[in-house]
Amino acid sequence: GLLGRLAVEAGFDWVLYESRSHIHASVREDGFSDKPWDGCF
């Protein structure tokens, strides 16, 4: 469970405590902007 929290802190875009034995973590596609402001049309 704590490993899952560390994965969130590491910046994975989605983290799931999938089973008692492992964490599943995934990311957006390469090139996705991490900038906090990109709110436009």
PDB file of all heavy atoms in Angstrom:
ATOM      1  N   GLY A   1       0.822  -1.210   0.000  1.00  0.00           N
ATOM      2  CA  GLY A   1       0.000   0.000   0.000  1.00  0.00           C
ATOM      3  C   GLY A   1       0.851   1.253   0.000  1.00  0.00           C
ATOM      4  O   GLY A   1       0.564   2.230  -0.704  1.00  0.00           O
ATOM      5  N   LEU A   2       1.950   1.239   0.769  1.00  0.00           N
ATOM      6  CA  LEU A   2       2.848   2.389   0.811  1.00  0.00           C
ATOM      7  C   LEU A   2       3.631   2.509  -0.495  1.00  0.00           C
ATOM      8  O   LEU A   2       3.912   3.617  -0.964  1.00  0.00           O
ATOM      9  CB  LEU A   2       3.803   2.279   1.994  1.00  0.00           C
ATOM     10  CG  LEU A   2       4.723   3.487   2.247  1.00  0.00           C
ATOM     11  CD1 LEU A   2       3.928   4.784   2.289  1.00  0.00           C
ATOM     12  CD2 LEU A   2       5.508   3.291   3.535  1.00  0.00           C
ATOM     13  N   LEU A   3       3.957   1.376  -1.107  1.00  0.00           N
ATOM     14  CA  LEU A   3       4.595   1.409  -2.414  1.00  0.00           C
ATOM     15  C   LEU A   3       3.695   2.119  -3.422  1.00  0.00           C
ATOM     16  O   LEU A   3       4.169   2.906  -4.256  1.00  0.00           O
ATOM     17  CB  LEU A   3       4.904  -0.016  -2.901  1.00  0.00           C
ATOM     18  CG  LEU A   3       5.449  -0.142  -4.328  1.00  0.00           C
ATOM     19  CD1 LEU A   3       6.787   0.583  -4.453  1.00  0.00           C
ATOM     20  CD2 LEU A   3       5.598  -1.616  -4.708  1.00  0.00           C
ATOM     21  N   GLY A   4       2.399   1.874  -3.324  1.00  0.00           N
ATOM     22  CA  GLY A   4       1.455   2.574  -4.196  1.00  0.00           C
ATOM     23  C   GLY A   4       1.491   4.072  -3.988  1.00  0.00           C
ATOM     24  O   GLY A   4       1.471   4.851  -4.947  1.00  0.00           O
ATOM     25  N   ARG A   5       1.567   4.491  -2.736  1.00  0.00           N
ATOM     26  CA  ARG A   5       1.642   5.927  -2.452  1.00  0.00           C
ATOM     27  C   ARG A   5       2.930   6.520  -3.016  1.00  0.00           C
ATOM     28  O   ARG A   5       2.922   7.625  -3.569  1.00  0.00           O
ATOM     29  CB  ARG A   5       1.576   6.157  -0.941  1.00  0.00           C
ATOM     30  CG  ARG A   5       1.743   7.607  -0.518  1.00  0.00           C
ATOM     31  CD  ARG A   5       0.687   8.503  -1.127  1.00  0.00           C
ATOM     32  NE  ARG A   5      -0.654   8.134  -0.662  1.00  0.00           N
ATOM     33  CZ  ARG A   5      -1.776   8.643  -1.132  1.00  0.00           C
ATOM     34  NH1 ARG A   5      -1.708   9.553  -2.107  1.00  0.00           N
ATOM     35  NH2 ARG A   5      -2.944   8.252  -0.672  1.00  0.00           N
ATOM     36  N   LEU A   6       4.030   5.792  -2.914  1.00  0.00           N
ATOM     37  CA  LEU A   6       5.288   6.275  -3.472  1.00  0.00           C
ATOM     38  C   LEU A   6       5.204   6.397  -4.993  1.00  0.00           C
ATOM     39  O   LEU A   6       5.777   7.313  -5.583  1.00  0.00           O
ATOM     40  CB  LEU A   6       6.430   5.338  -3.086  1.00  0.00           C
ATOM     41  CG  LEU A   6       6.789   5.262  -1.593  1.00  0.00           C
ATOM     42  CD1 LEU A   6       7.923   4.276  -1.366  1.00  0.00           C
ATOM     43  CD2 LEU A   6       7.172   6.633  -1.048  1.00  0.00           C
ATOM     44  N   ALA A   7       4.480   5.476  -5.625  1.00  0.00           N
ATOM     45  CA  ALA A   7       4.312   5.549  -7.081  1.00  0.00           C
ATOM     46  C   ALA A   7       3.541   6.803  -7.480  1.00  0.00           C
ATOM     47  O   ALA A   7       3.831   7.431  -8.501  1.00  0.00           O
ATOM     48  CB  ALA A   7       3.593   4.299  -7.586  1.00  0.00           C
ATOM     49  N   VAL A   8       2.554   7.173  -6.661  1.00  0.00           N
ATOM     50  CA  VAL A   8       1.822   8.418  -6.905  1.00  0.00           C
ATOM     51  C   VAL A   8       2.772   9.603  -6.794  1.00  0.00           C
ATOM     52  O   VAL A   8       2.787  10.499  -7.651  1.00  0.00           O
ATOM     53  CB  VAL A   8       0.648   8.569  -5.915  1.00  0.00           C
ATOM     54  CG1 VAL A   8      -0.012   9.935  -6.071  1.00  0.00           C
ATOM     55  CG2 VAL A   8      -0.378   7.461  -6.126  1.00  0.00           C
ATOM     56  N   GLU A   9       3.599   9.619  -5.744  1.00  0.00           N
ATOM     57  CA  GLU A   9       4.541  10.717  -5.537  1.00  0.00           C
ATOM     58  C   GLU A   9       5.589  10.772  -6.646  1.00  0.00           C
ATOM     59  O   GLU A   9       6.093  11.849  -6.982  1.00  0.00           O
ATOM     60  CB  GLU A   9       5.229  10.565  -4.182  1.00  0.00           C
ATOM     61  CG  GLU A   9       4.291  10.733  -2.994  1.00  0.00           C
ATOM     62  CD  GLU A   9       5.021  10.625  -1.663  1.00  0.00           C
ATOM     63  OE1 GLU A   9       6.267  10.671  -1.658  1.00  0.00           O
ATOM     64  OE2 GLU A   9       4.347  10.503  -0.625  1.00  0.00           O
ATOM     65  N   ALA A  10       5.899   9.617  -7.231  1.00  0.00           N
ATOM     66  CA  ALA A  10       6.897   9.577  -8.300  1.00  0.00           C
ATOM     67  C   ALA A  10       6.379  10.188  -9.588  1.00  0.00           C
ATOM     68  O   ALA A  10       7.173  10.495 -10.485  1.00  0.00           O
ATOM     69  CB  ALA A  10       7.345   8.139  -8.541  1.00  0.00           C
ATOM     70  N   GLY A  11       5.059  10.353  -9.694  1.00  0.00           N
ATOM     71  CA  GLY A  11       4.498  11.015 -10.864  1.00  0.00           C
ATOM     72  C   GLY A  11       3.807  10.117 -11.855  1.00  0.00           C
ATOM     73  O   GLY A  11       3.464  10.574 -12.958  1.00  0.00           O
ATOM     74  N   PHE A  12       3.587   8.852 -11.508  1.00  0.00           N
ATOM     75  CA  PHE A  12       2.803   8.002 -12.405  1.00  0.00           C
ATOM     76  C   PHE A  12       1.404   8.602 -12.549  1.00  0.00           C
ATOM     77  O   PHE A  12       0.830   9.105 -11.585  1.00  0.00           O
ATOM     78  CB  PHE A  12       2.720   6.573 -11.866  1.00  0.00           C
ATOM     79  CG  PHE A  12       3.953   5.747 -12.145  1.00  0.00           C
ATOM     80  CD1 PHE A  12       4.967   5.651 -11.208  1.00  0.00           C
ATOM     81  CD2 PHE A  12       4.097   5.096 -13.359  1.00  0.00           C
ATOM     82  CE1 PHE A  12       6.108   4.898 -11.465  1.00  0.00           C
ATOM     83  CE2 PHE A  12       5.221   4.330 -13.629  1.00  0.00           C
ATOM     84  CZ  PHE A  12       6.233   4.233 -12.685  1.00  0.00           C
ATOM     85  N   ASP A  13       0.860   8.532 -13.745  1.00  0.00           N
ATOM     86  CA  ASP A  13      -0.412   9.194 -14.017  1.00  0.00           C
ATOM     87  C   ASP A  13      -1.611   8.404 -13.513  1.00  0.00           C
ATOM     88  O   ASP A  13      -2.699   8.968 -13.346  1.00  0.00           O
ATOM     89  CB  ASP A  13      -0.552   9.450 -15.514  1.00  0.00           C
ATOM     90  CG  ASP A  13       0.537  10.375 -16.022  1.00  0.00           C
ATOM     91  OD1 ASP A  13       0.623  11.507 -15.509  1.00  0.00           O
ATOM     92  OD2 ASP A  13       1.309   9.972 -16.907  1.00  0.00           O
ATOM     93  N   TRP A  14      -1.449   7.105 -13.290  1.00  0.00           N
ATOM     94  CA  TRP A  14      -2.529   6.291 -12.707  1.00  0.00           C
ATOM     95  C   TRP A  14      -1.877   5.171 -11.920  1.00  0.00           C
ATOM     96  O   TRP A  14      -0.981   4.477 -12.420  1.00  0.00           O
ATOM     97  CB  TRP A  14      -3.428   5.724 -13.802  1.00  0.00           C
ATOM     98  CG  TRP A  14      -4.737   5.172 -13.298  1.00  0.00           C
ATOM     99  CD1 TRP A  14      -5.800   5.889 -12.841  1.00  0.00           C
ATOM    100  CD2 TRP A  14      -5.115   3.793 -13.213  1.00  0.00           C
ATOM    101  NE1 TRP A  14      -6.832   5.048 -12.480  1.00  0.00           N
ATOM    102  CE2 TRP A  14      -6.440   3.749 -12.701  1.00  0.00           C
ATOM    103  CE3 TRP A  14      -4.483   2.588 -13.522  1.00  0.00           C
ATOM    104  CZ2 TRP A  14      -7.138   2.562 -12.495  1.00  0.00           C
ATOM    105  CZ3 TRP A  14      -5.178   1.392 -13.313  1.00  0.00           C
ATOM    106  CH2 TRP A  14      -6.484   1.395 -12.809  1.00  0.00           C
ATOM    107  N   VAL A  15      -2.297   5.005 -10.689  1.00  0.00           N
ATOM    108  CA  VAL A  15      -1.736   3.981  -9.809  1.00  0.00           C
ATOM    109  C   VAL A  15      -2.882   3.192  -9.196  1.00  0.00           C
ATOM    110  O   VAL A  15      -3.843   3.772  -8.667  1.00  0.00           O
ATOM    111  CB  VAL A  15      -0.877   4.606  -8.689  1.00  0.00           C
ATOM    112  CG1 VAL A  15      -0.336   3.526  -7.761  1.00  0.00           C
ATOM    113  CG2 VAL A  15       0.262   5.422  -9.285  1.00  0.00           C
ATOM    114  N   LEU A  16      -2.775   1.863  -9.258  1.00  0.00           N
ATOM    115  CA  LEU A  16      -3.813   0.970  -8.730  1.00  0.00           C
ATOM    116  C   LEU A  16      -3.179  -0.052  -7.797  1.00  0.00           C
ATOM    117  O   LEU A  16      -2.218  -0.732  -8.165  1.00  0.00           O
ATOM    118  CB  LEU A  16      -4.519   0.240  -9.881  1.00  0.00           C
ATOM    119  CG  LEU A  16      -5.479  -0.887  -9.497  1.00  0.00           C
ATOM    120  CD1 LEU A  16      -6.685  -0.348  -8.740  1.00  0.00           C
ATOM    121  CD2 LEU A  16      -5.923  -1.669 -10.723  1.00  0.00           C
ATOM    122  N   TYR A  17      -3.725  -0.135  -6.591  1.00  0.00           N
ATOM    123  CA  TYR A  17      -3.344  -1.221  -5.674  1.00  0.00           C
ATOM    124  C   TYR A  17      -4.142  -2.435  -6.137  1.00  0.00           C
ATOM    125  O   TYR A  17      -5.212  -2.718  -5.647  1.00  0.00           O
ATOM    126  CB  TYR A  17      -3.687  -0.812  -4.244  1.00  0.00           C
ATOM    127  CG  TYR A  17      -3.173  -1.727  -3.144  1.00  0.00           C
ATOM    128  CD1 TYR A  17      -3.274  -1.338  -1.810  1.00  0.00           C
ATOM    129  CD2 TYR A  17      -2.590  -2.965  -3.415  1.00  0.00           C
ATOM    130  CE1 TYR A  17      -2.815  -2.158  -0.775  1.00  0.00           C
ATOM    131  CE2 TYR A  17      -2.122  -3.790  -2.407  1.00  0.00           C
ATOM    132  CZ  TYR A  17      -2.245  -3.374  -1.092  1.00  0.00           C
ATOM    133  OH  TYR A  17      -1.792  -4.190  -0.081  1.00  0.00           O
ATOM    134  N   GLU A  18      -3.583  -3.141  -7.110  1.00  0.00           N
ATOM    135  CA  GLU A  18      -4.354  -4.146  -7.852  1.00  0.00           C
ATOM    136  C   GLU A  18      -4.558  -5.441  -7.084  1.00  0.00           C
ATOM    137  O   GLU A  18      -5.609  -6.064  -7.154  1.00  0.00           O
ATOM    138  CB  GLU A  18      -3.668  -4.438  -9.193  1.00  0.00           C
ATOM    139  CG  GLU A  18      -4.506  -5.254 -10.141  1.00  0.00           C
ATOM    140  CD  GLU A  18      -3.940  -5.230 -11.547  1.00  0.00           C
ATOM    141  OE1 GLU A  18      -2.705  -5.128 -11.701  1.00  0.00           O
ATOM    142  OE2 GLU A  18      -4.740  -5.309 -12.501  1.00  0.00           O
ATOM    143  N   SER A  19      -3.541  -5.876  -6.375  1.00  0.00           N
ATOM    144  CA  SER A  19      -3.664  -7.094  -5.561  1.00  0.00           C
ATOM    145  C   SER A  19      -2.779  -6.945  -4.340  1.00  0.00           C
ATOM    146  O   SER A  19      -1.976  -6.011  -4.249  1.00  0.00           O
ATOM    147  CB  SER A  19      -3.245  -8.330  -6.372  1.00  0.00           C
ATOM    148  OG  SER A  19      -1.837  -8.414  -6.465  1.00  0.00           O
ATOM    149  N   ARG A  20      -2.901  -7.861  -3.408  1.00  0.00           N
ATOM    150  CA  ARG A  20      -2.104  -7.766  -2.179  1.00  0.00           C
ATOM    151  C   ARG A  20      -0.612  -7.950  -2.440  1.00  0.00           C
ATOM    152  O   ARG A  20       0.208  -7.675  -1.555  1.00  0.00           O
ATOM    153  CB  ARG A  20      -2.594  -8.798  -1.165  1.00  0.00           C
ATOM    154  CG  ARG A  20      -4.028  -8.555  -0.708  1.00  0.00           C
ATOM    155  CD  ARG A  20      -4.408  -9.456   0.454  1.00  0.00           C
ATOM    156  NE  ARG A  20      -5.807  -9.276   0.825  1.00  0.00           N
ATOM    157  CZ  ARG A  20      -6.254  -8.302   1.602  1.00  0.00           C
ATOM    158  NH1 ARG A  20      -5.399  -7.419   2.092  1.00  0.00           N
ATOM    159  NH2 ARG A  20      -7.543  -8.204   1.892  1.00  0.00           N
ATOM    160  N   SER A  21      -0.264  -8.380  -3.646  1.00  0.00           N
ATOM    161  CA  SER A  21       1.143  -8.641  -3.927  1.00  0.00           C
ATOM    162  C   SER A  21       1.784  -7.642  -4.876  1.00  0.00           C
ATOM    163  O   SER A  21       3.001  -7.653  -5.055  1.00  0.00           O
ATOM    164  CB  SER A  21       1.306 -10.048  -4.525  1.00  0.00           C
ATOM    165  OG  SER A  21       0.561 -10.152  -5.739  1.00  0.00           O
ATOM    166  N   HIS A  22       0.987  -6.769  -5.524  1.00  0.00           N
ATOM    167  CA  HIS A  22       1.633  -5.841  -6.459  1.00  0.00           C
ATOM    168  C   HIS A  22       0.810  -4.587  -6.714  1.00  0.00           C
ATOM    169  O   HIS A  22      -0.391  -4.532  -6.467  1.00  0.00           O
ATOM    170  CB  HIS A  22       1.959  -6.539  -7.784  1.00  0.00           C
ATOM    171  CG  HIS A  22       0.794  -6.663  -8.708  1.00  0.00           C
ATOM    172  ND1 HIS A  22      -0.093  -7.726  -8.664  1.00  0.00           N
ATOM    173  CD2 HIS A  22       0.354  -5.853  -9.713  1.00  0.00           C
ATOM    174  CE1 HIS A  22      -1.001  -7.575  -9.594  1.00  0.00           C
ATOM    175  NE2 HIS A  22      -0.761  -6.446 -10.249  1.00  0.00           N
ATOM    176  N   ILE A  23       1.512  -3.589  -7.237  1.00  0.00           N
ATOM    177  CA  ILE A  23       0.940  -2.312  -7.664  1.00  0.00           C
ATOM    178  C   ILE A  23       1.004  -2.237  -9.190  1.00  0.00           C
ATOM    179  O   ILE A  23       2.012  -2.619  -9.797  1.00  0.00           O
ATOM    180  CB  ILE A  23       1.731  -1.127  -7.065  1.00  0.00           C
ATOM    181  CG1 ILE A  23       1.545  -1.049  -5.547  1.00  0.00           C
ATOM    182  CG2 ILE A  23       1.314   0.193  -7.712  1.00  0.00           C
ATOM    183  CD1 ILE A  23       0.138  -0.722  -5.093  1.00  0.00           C
ATOM    184  N   HIS A  24      -0.051  -1.754  -9.787  1.00  0.00           N
ATOM    185  CA  HIS A  24      -0.052  -1.472 -11.225  1.00  0.00           C
ATOM    186  C   HIS A  24       0.015   0.043 -11.397  1.00  0.00           C
ATOM    187  O   HIS A  24      -0.745   0.786 -10.770  1.00  0.00           O
ATOM    188  CB  HIS A  24      -1.322  -2.021 -11.874  1.00  0.00           C
ATOM    189  CG  HIS A  24      -1.475  -1.630 -13.318  1.00  0.00           C
ATOM    190  ND1 HIS A  24      -0.915  -2.351 -14.343  1.00  0.00           N
ATOM    191  CD2 HIS A  24      -2.134  -0.590 -13.903  1.00  0.00           C
ATOM    192  CE1 HIS A  24      -1.214  -1.778 -15.500  1.00  0.00           C
ATOM    193  NE2 HIS A  24      -1.959  -0.701 -15.255  1.00  0.00           N
ATOM    194  N   ALA A  25       0.926   0.512 -12.241  1.00  0.00           N
ATOM    195  CA  ALA A  25       1.075   1.951 -12.473  1.00  0.00           C
ATOM    196  C   ALA A  25       1.259   2.200 -13.966  1.00  0.00           C
ATOM    197  O   ALA A  25       1.886   1.402 -14.665  1.00  0.00           O
ATOM    198  CB  ALA A  25       2.262   2.504 -11.696  1.00  0.00           C
ATOM    199  N   SER A  26       0.714   3.310 -14.446  1.00  0.00           N
ATOM    200  CA  SER A  26       0.829   3.615 -15.872  1.00  0.00           C
ATOM    201  C   SER A  26       0.990   5.114 -16.076  1.00  0.00           C
ATOM    202  O   SER A  26       0.811   5.916 -15.154  1.00  0.00           O
ATOM    203  CB  SER A  26      -0.396   3.098 -16.635  1.00  0.00           C
ATOM    204  OG  SER A  26      -1.589   3.701 -16.159  1.00  0.00           O
ATOM    205  N   VAL A  27       1.321   5.479 -17.319  1.00  0.00           N
ATOM    206  CA  VAL A  27       1.603   6.876 -17.642  1.00  0.00           C
ATOM    207  C   VAL A  27       0.912   7.276 -18.939  1.00  0.00           C
ATOM    208  O   VAL A  27       0.500   6.434 -19.731  1.00  0.00           O
ATOM    209  CB  VAL A  27       3.124   7.129 -17.795  1.00  0.00           C
ATOM    210  CG1 VAL A  27       3.859   6.859 -16.500  1.00  0.00           C
ATOM    211  CG2 VAL A  27       3.697   6.283 -18.937  1.00  0.00           C
ATOM    212  N   ARG A  28       0.823   8.586 -19.129  1.00  0.00           N
ATOM    213  CA  ARG A  28       0.340   9.112 -20.390  1.00  0.00           C
ATOM    214  C   ARG A  28       1.387   8.882 -21.480  1.00  0.00           C
ATOM    215  O   ARG A  28       2.531   8.542 -21.197  1.00  0.00           O
ATOM    216  CB  ARG A  28       0.050  10.609 -20.261  1.00  0.00           C
ATOM    217  CG  ARG A  28      -1.008  10.950 -19.222  1.00  0.00           C
ATOM    218  CD  ARG A  28      -1.250  12.457 -19.200  1.00  0.00           C
ATOM    219  NE  ARG A  28      -2.306  12.824 -18.263  1.00  0.00           N
ATOM    220  CZ  ARG A  28      -2.123  13.474 -17.130  1.00  0.00           C
ATOM    221  NH1 ARG A  28      -0.902  13.812 -16.776  1.00  0.00           N
ATOM    222  NH2 ARG A  28      -3.133  13.774 -16.352  1.00  0.00           N
ATOM    223  N   GLU A  29       0.972   9.112 -22.700  1.00  0.00           N
ATOM    224  CA  GLU A  29       1.901   8.945 -23.809  1.00  0.00           C
ATOM    225  C   GLU A  29       3.025   9.972 -23.730  1.00  0.00           C
ATOM    226  O   GLU A  29       2.868  11.048 -23.152  1.00  0.00           O
ATOM    227  CB  GLU A  29       1.163   9.069 -25.141  1.00  0.00           C
ATOM    228  CG  GLU A  29       0.522  10.419 -25.378  1.00  0.00           C
ATOM    229  CD  GLU A  29      -0.198  10.491 -26.705  1.00  0.00           C
ATOM    230  OE1 GLU A  29       0.267   9.851 -27.667  1.00  0.00           O
ATOM    231  OE2 GLU A  29      -1.226  11.175 -26.787  1.00  0.00           O
ATOM    232  N   ASP A  30       4.164   9.637 -24.305  1.00  0.00           N
ATOM    233  CA  ASP A  30       5.296  10.566 -24.333  1.00  0.00           C
ATOM    234  C   ASP A  30       4.884  11.852 -25.027  1.00  0.00           C
ATOM    235  O   ASP A  30       4.139  11.833 -26.015  1.00  0.00           O
ATOM    236  CB  ASP A  30       6.475   9.946 -25.083  1.00  0.00           C
ATOM    237  CG  ASP A  30       7.161   8.848 -24.298  1.00  0.00           C
ATOM    238  OD1 ASP A  30       6.872   8.718 -23.096  1.00  0.00           O
ATOM    239  OD2 ASP A  30       7.965   8.108 -24.889  1.00  0.00           O
ATOM    240  N   GLY A  31       5.395  12.965 -24.521  1.00  0.00           N
ATOM    241  CA  GLY A  31       5.086  14.251 -25.119  1.00  0.00           C
ATOM    242  C   GLY A  31       3.950  14.975 -24.437  1.00  0.00           C
ATOM    243  O   GLY A  31       3.700  16.147 -24.729  1.00  0.00           O
ATOM    244  N   PHE A  32       3.257  14.297 -23.518  1.00  0.00           N
ATOM    245  CA  PHE A  32       2.180  14.964 -22.794  1.00  0.00           C
ATOM    246  C   PHE A  32       2.788  16.055 -21.928  1.00  0.00           C
ATOM    247  O   PHE A  32       3.780  15.843 -21.240  1.00  0.00           O
ATOM    248  CB  PHE A  32       1.415  13.974 -21.930  1.00  0.00           C
ATOM    249  CG  PHE A  32       0.182  14.565 -21.292  1.00  0.00           C
ATOM    250  CD1 PHE A  32      -1.039  14.455 -21.908  1.00  0.00           C
ATOM    251  CD2 PHE A  32       0.253  15.222 -20.072  1.00  0.00           C
ATOM    252  CE1 PHE A  32      -2.177  14.992 -21.330  1.00  0.00           C
ATOM    253  CE2 PHE A  32      -0.872  15.772 -19.492  1.00  0.00           C
ATOM    254  CZ  PHE A  32      -2.089  15.646 -20.127  1.00  0.00           C
ATOM    255  N   SER A  33       2.187  17.234 -21.971  1.00  0.00           N
ATOM    256  CA  SER A  33       2.735  18.381 -21.234  1.00  0.00           C
ATOM    257  C   SER A  33       2.477  18.240 -19.739  1.00  0.00           C
ATOM    258  O   SER A  33       1.370  17.978 -19.312  1.00  0.00           O
ATOM    259  CB  SER A  33       2.114  19.685 -21.736  1.00  0.00           C
ATOM    260  OG  SER A  33       2.555  20.766 -20.944  1.00  0.00           O
ATOM    261  N   ASP A  34       3.535  18.427 -18.956  1.00  0.00           N
ATOM    262  CA  ASP A  34       3.412  18.432 -17.497  1.00  0.00           C
ATOM    263  C   ASP A  34       3.232  19.846 -16.961  1.00  0.00           C
ATOM    264  O   ASP A  34       3.177  20.052 -15.761  1.00  0.00           O
ATOM    265  CB  ASP A  34       4.662  17.829 -16.850  1.00  0.00           C
ATOM    266  CG  ASP A  34       4.582  16.313 -16.754  1.00  0.00           C
ATOM    267  OD1 ASP A  34       3.469  15.795 -16.611  1.00  0.00           O
ATOM    268  OD2 ASP A  34       5.634  15.663 -16.822  1.00  0.00           O
ATOM    269  N   LYS A  35       3.184  20.842 -17.851  1.00  0.00           N
ATOM    270  CA  LYS A  35       3.074  22.221 -17.384  1.00  0.00           C
ATOM    271  C   LYS A  35       1.736  22.437 -16.705  1.00  0.00           C
ATOM    272  O   LYS A  35       0.701  21.967 -17.189  1.00  0.00           O
ATOM    273  CB  LYS A  35       3.217  23.186 -18.561  1.00  0.00           C
ATOM    274  CG  LYS A  35       4.615  23.221 -19.158  1.00  0.00           C
ATOM    275  CD  LYS A  35       4.742  24.292 -20.206  1.00  0.00           C
ATOM    276  CE  LYS A  35       3.857  24.034 -21.392  1.00  0.00           C
ATOM    277  NZ  LYS A  35       4.048  25.058 -22.457  1.00  0.00           N
ATOM    278  N   PRO A  36       1.707  23.153 -15.568  1.00  0.00           N
ATOM    279  CA  PRO A  36       0.477  23.313 -14.823  1.00  0.00           C
ATOM    280  C   PRO A  36      -0.569  24.143 -15.548  1.00  0.00           C
ATOM    281  O   PRO A  36      -1.739  23.989 -15.293  1.00  0.00           O
ATOM    282  CB  PRO A  36       0.923  24.022 -13.535  1.00  0.00           C
ATOM    283  CG  PRO A  36       2.184  24.714 -13.901  1.00  0.00           C
ATOM    284  CD  PRO A  36       2.845  23.823 -14.902  1.00  0.00           C
ATOM    285  N   TRP A  37      -0.141  25.044 -16.440  1.00  0.00           N
ATOM    286  CA  TRP A  37      -1.137  25.862 -17.123  1.00  0.00           C
ATOM    287  C   TRP A  37      -1.117  25.560 -18.605  1.00  0.00           C
ATOM    288  O   TRP A  37      -0.171  25.810 -19.308  1.00  0.00           O
ATOM    289  CB  TRP A  37      -0.878  27.347 -16.917  1.00  0.00           C
ATOM    290  CG  TRP A  37      -1.774  28.146 -17.819  1.00  0.00           C
ATOM    291  CD1 TRP A  37      -1.435  28.729 -19.004  1.00  0.00           C
ATOM    292  CD2 TRP A  37      -3.160  28.423 -17.623  1.00  0.00           C
ATOM    293  NE1 TRP A  37      -2.526  29.364 -19.551  1.00  0.00           N
ATOM    294  CE2 TRP A  37      -3.590  29.184 -18.724  1.00  0.00           C
ATOM    295  CE3 TRP A  37      -4.068  28.091 -16.624  1.00  0.00           C
ATOM    296  CZ2 TRP A  37      -4.899  29.625 -18.846  1.00  0.00           C
ATOM    297  CZ3 TRP A  37      -5.362  28.541 -16.751  1.00  0.00           C
ATOM    298  CH2 TRP A  37      -5.765  29.287 -17.836  1.00  0.00           C
ATOM    299  N   ASP A  38      -2.123  24.977 -19.117  1.00  0.00           N
ATOM    300  CA  ASP A  38      -2.371  24.805 -20.532  1.00  0.00           C
ATOM    301  C   ASP A  38      -3.882  24.743 -20.677  1.00  0.00           C
ATOM    302  O   ASP A  38      -4.432  23.764 -21.148  1.00  0.00           O
ATOM    303  CB  ASP A  38      -1.729  23.527 -21.079  1.00  0.00           C
ATOM    304  CG  ASP A  38      -0.307  23.766 -21.562  1.00  0.00           C
ATOM    305  OD1 ASP A  38       0.024  24.908 -21.866  1.00  0.00           O
ATOM    306  OD2 ASP A  38       0.461  22.799 -21.622  1.00  0.00           O
ATOM    307  N   GLY A  39      -4.577  25.788 -20.240  1.00  0.00           N
ATOM    308  CA  GLY A  39      -6.033  25.763 -20.241  1.00  0.00           C
ATOM    309  C   GLY A  39      -6.590  26.647 -21.337  1.00  0.00           C
ATOM    310  O   GLY A  39      -6.813  27.833 -21.109  1.00  0.00           O
ATOM    311  N   CYS A  40      -6.785  26.069 -22.504  1.00  0.00           N
ATOM    312  CA  CYS A  40      -7.153  26.888 -23.644  1.00  0.00           C
ATOM    313  C   CYS A  40      -7.999  26.092 -24.631  1.00  0.00           C
ATOM    314  O   CYS A  40      -8.135  24.882 -24.538  1.00  0.00           O
ATOM    315  CB  CYS A  40      -5.903  27.388 -24.370  1.00  0.00           C
ATOM    316  SG  CYS A  40      -4.625  28.085 -23.329  1.00  0.00           S
ATOM    317  N   PHE A  41      -8.511  26.824 -25.622  1.00  0.00           N
ATOM    318  CA  PHE A  41      -9.194  26.235 -26.766  1.00  0.00           C
ATOM    319  C   PHE A  41      -8.240  26.233 -27.951  1.00  0.00           C
ATOM    320  O   PHE A  41      -7.321  27.050 -28.026  1.00  0.00           O
ATOM    321  CB  PHE A  41     -10.452  27.027 -27.111  1.00  0.00           C
ATOM    322  CG  PHE A  41     -11.407  27.186 -25.965  1.00  0.00           C
ATOM    323  CD1 PHE A  41     -11.448  28.364 -25.233  1.00  0.00           C
ATOM    324  CD2 PHE A  41     -12.248  26.145 -25.600  1.00  0.00           C
ATOM    325  CE1 PHE A  41     -12.317  28.512 -24.168  1.00  0.00           C
ATOM    326  CE2 PHE A  41     -13.121  26.279 -24.527  1.00  0.00           C
ATOM    327  CZ  PHE A  41     -13.158  27.466 -23.818  1.00  0.00           C
TER     328      PHE A  41
END
